[in-house]
Amino acid sequence: MVAGCGVSLIASAVGGIPFLLDRSGTPGKPMLLVGLSAILRLMVVLALAVTTVLSGWFETAPLLVWVAISYAVLLFLDTRFALRSLKEGGVE
C-alpha cells in the first residue's frame, strides 16, 4: 500500500512542477501547462510502477491496485492545485 501510494505521490509532485515554474499568465499558456503536467504525471507514474513491479519486492496486483486508487485521489487534488495556480496567475 505504501509503495503504491508513494509512486503516485511522486508522480503528483512532478506533475505540479510546470505550475510552480511558470507564473507568466500568458494567454494560451494554461492549456500547455495542463497538458504538460498531465503528461509528466502519467510518464512518471508509469515508469515508477513498472520499475517497482519489475523489482520483485512487492506483489504485483496489490501494488497496481494501490497505484490506481492513489492516482485517482491525487488527480482530484492536482486538479484543484492547477485551478488555484491558474487563478492566482490571472487566468479565469
Protein backbone atom coordinates (compact mmCIF):
# COMPACT_ATOMS: atom_id res chain seq x y z
CA MET A 1 0.00 0.00 0.00
CA VAL A 2 2.74 2.43 0.96
CA ALA A 3 4.74 1.70 -2.21
CA GLY A 4 1.73 2.20 -4.47
CA CYS A 5 0.77 5.45 -2.78
CA GLY A 6 4.40 6.58 -2.88
CA VAL A 7 4.59 6.03 -6.63
CA SER A 8 1.51 8.20 -7.18
CA LEU A 9 2.68 10.83 -4.71
CA ILE A 10 5.99 11.25 -6.51
CA ALA A 11 4.20 11.47 -9.86
CA SER A 12 1.81 14.04 -8.42
CA ALA A 13 4.69 16.18 -7.17
CA VAL A 14 6.41 16.04 -10.56
CA GLY A 15 3.14 16.96 -12.27
CA GLY A 16 2.94 20.14 -10.24
CA ILE A 17 6.33 21.41 -11.34
CA PRO A 18 5.13 23.19 -14.52
CA PHE A 19 2.67 25.27 -12.48
CA LEU A 20 5.31 26.19 -9.93
CA LEU A 21 7.85 27.25 -12.55
CA ASP A 22 5.56 29.35 -14.75
CA ARG A 23 3.64 32.30 -13.33
CA SER A 24 3.60 34.41 -16.51
CA GLY A 25 -0.16 34.40 -17.18
CA THR A 26 0.44 34.33 -20.93
CA PRO A 27 -2.76 33.72 -22.94
CA GLY A 28 -2.93 30.17 -24.27
CA LYS A 29 -0.26 29.02 -21.84
CA PRO A 30 -2.66 27.44 -19.29
CA MET A 31 -3.63 24.68 -21.70
CA LEU A 32 0.03 23.97 -22.37
CA LEU A 33 0.71 23.78 -18.64
CA VAL A 34 -2.23 21.46 -18.03
CA GLY A 35 -1.15 19.17 -20.87
CA LEU A 36 2.49 19.15 -19.81
CA SER A 37 1.50 18.43 -16.22
CA ALA A 38 -0.73 15.51 -17.22
CA ILE A 39 1.93 14.01 -19.49
CA LEU A 40 4.67 14.35 -16.87
CA ARG A 41 2.46 12.81 -14.20
CA LEU A 42 1.46 9.88 -16.38
CA MET A 43 5.01 9.19 -17.57
CA VAL A 44 6.40 9.26 -14.03
CA VAL A 45 3.68 7.00 -12.61
CA LEU A 46 4.16 4.50 -15.46
CA ALA A 47 7.94 4.49 -15.12
CA LEU A 48 7.87 4.10 -11.35
CA ALA A 49 5.10 1.49 -11.37
CA VAL A 50 6.88 -0.64 -13.98
CA THR A 51 10.17 -0.31 -12.14
CA THR A 52 8.58 -1.23 -8.82
CA VAL A 53 6.76 -4.23 -10.30
CA LEU A 54 9.90 -5.48 -12.05
CA SER A 55 11.93 -5.13 -8.86
CA GLY A 56 10.06 -8.11 -7.45
CA TRP A 57 9.90 -6.65 -3.95
CA PHE A 58 6.12 -6.30 -3.95
CA GLU A 59 3.13 -8.35 -5.04
CA THR A 60 2.06 -7.07 -8.45
CA ALA A 61 -1.74 -6.97 -8.11
CA PRO A 62 -1.99 -5.13 -4.75
CA LEU A 63 0.73 -2.68 -5.80
CA LEU A 64 -1.08 -1.78 -9.02
CA VAL A 65 -4.43 -1.50 -7.24
CA TRP A 66 -2.97 0.97 -4.75
CA VAL A 67 -1.22 2.90 -7.52
CA ALA A 68 -4.57 3.22 -9.33
CA ILE A 69 -6.51 4.24 -6.20
CA SER A 70 -3.96 6.80 -5.08
CA TYR A 71 -3.55 8.12 -8.65
CA ALA A 72 -7.29 8.81 -8.83
CA VAL A 73 -7.38 10.52 -5.43
CA LEU A 74 -4.31 12.62 -6.16
CA LEU A 75 -5.67 13.52 -9.61
CA PHE A 76 -8.54 15.28 -7.86
CA LEU A 77 -6.12 17.16 -5.61
CA ASP A 78 -3.82 18.01 -8.52
CA THR A 79 -6.76 19.44 -10.46
CA ARG A 80 -7.64 21.71 -7.54
CA PHE A 81 -3.98 22.79 -7.30
CA ALA A 82 -3.86 23.54 -11.04
CA LEU A 83 -7.07 25.55 -10.95
CA ARG A 84 -5.86 27.56 -7.96
CA SER A 85 -2.46 28.16 -9.59
CA LEU A 86 -4.06 29.32 -12.82
CA LYS A 87 -6.48 31.58 -10.97
CA GLU A 88 -3.66 33.19 -8.97
CA GLY A 89 -1.75 33.64 -12.23
CA GLY A 90 -4.57 35.77 -13.62
CA VAL A 91 -6.30 33.15 -15.74
CA GLU A 92 -10.04 32.82 -15.23
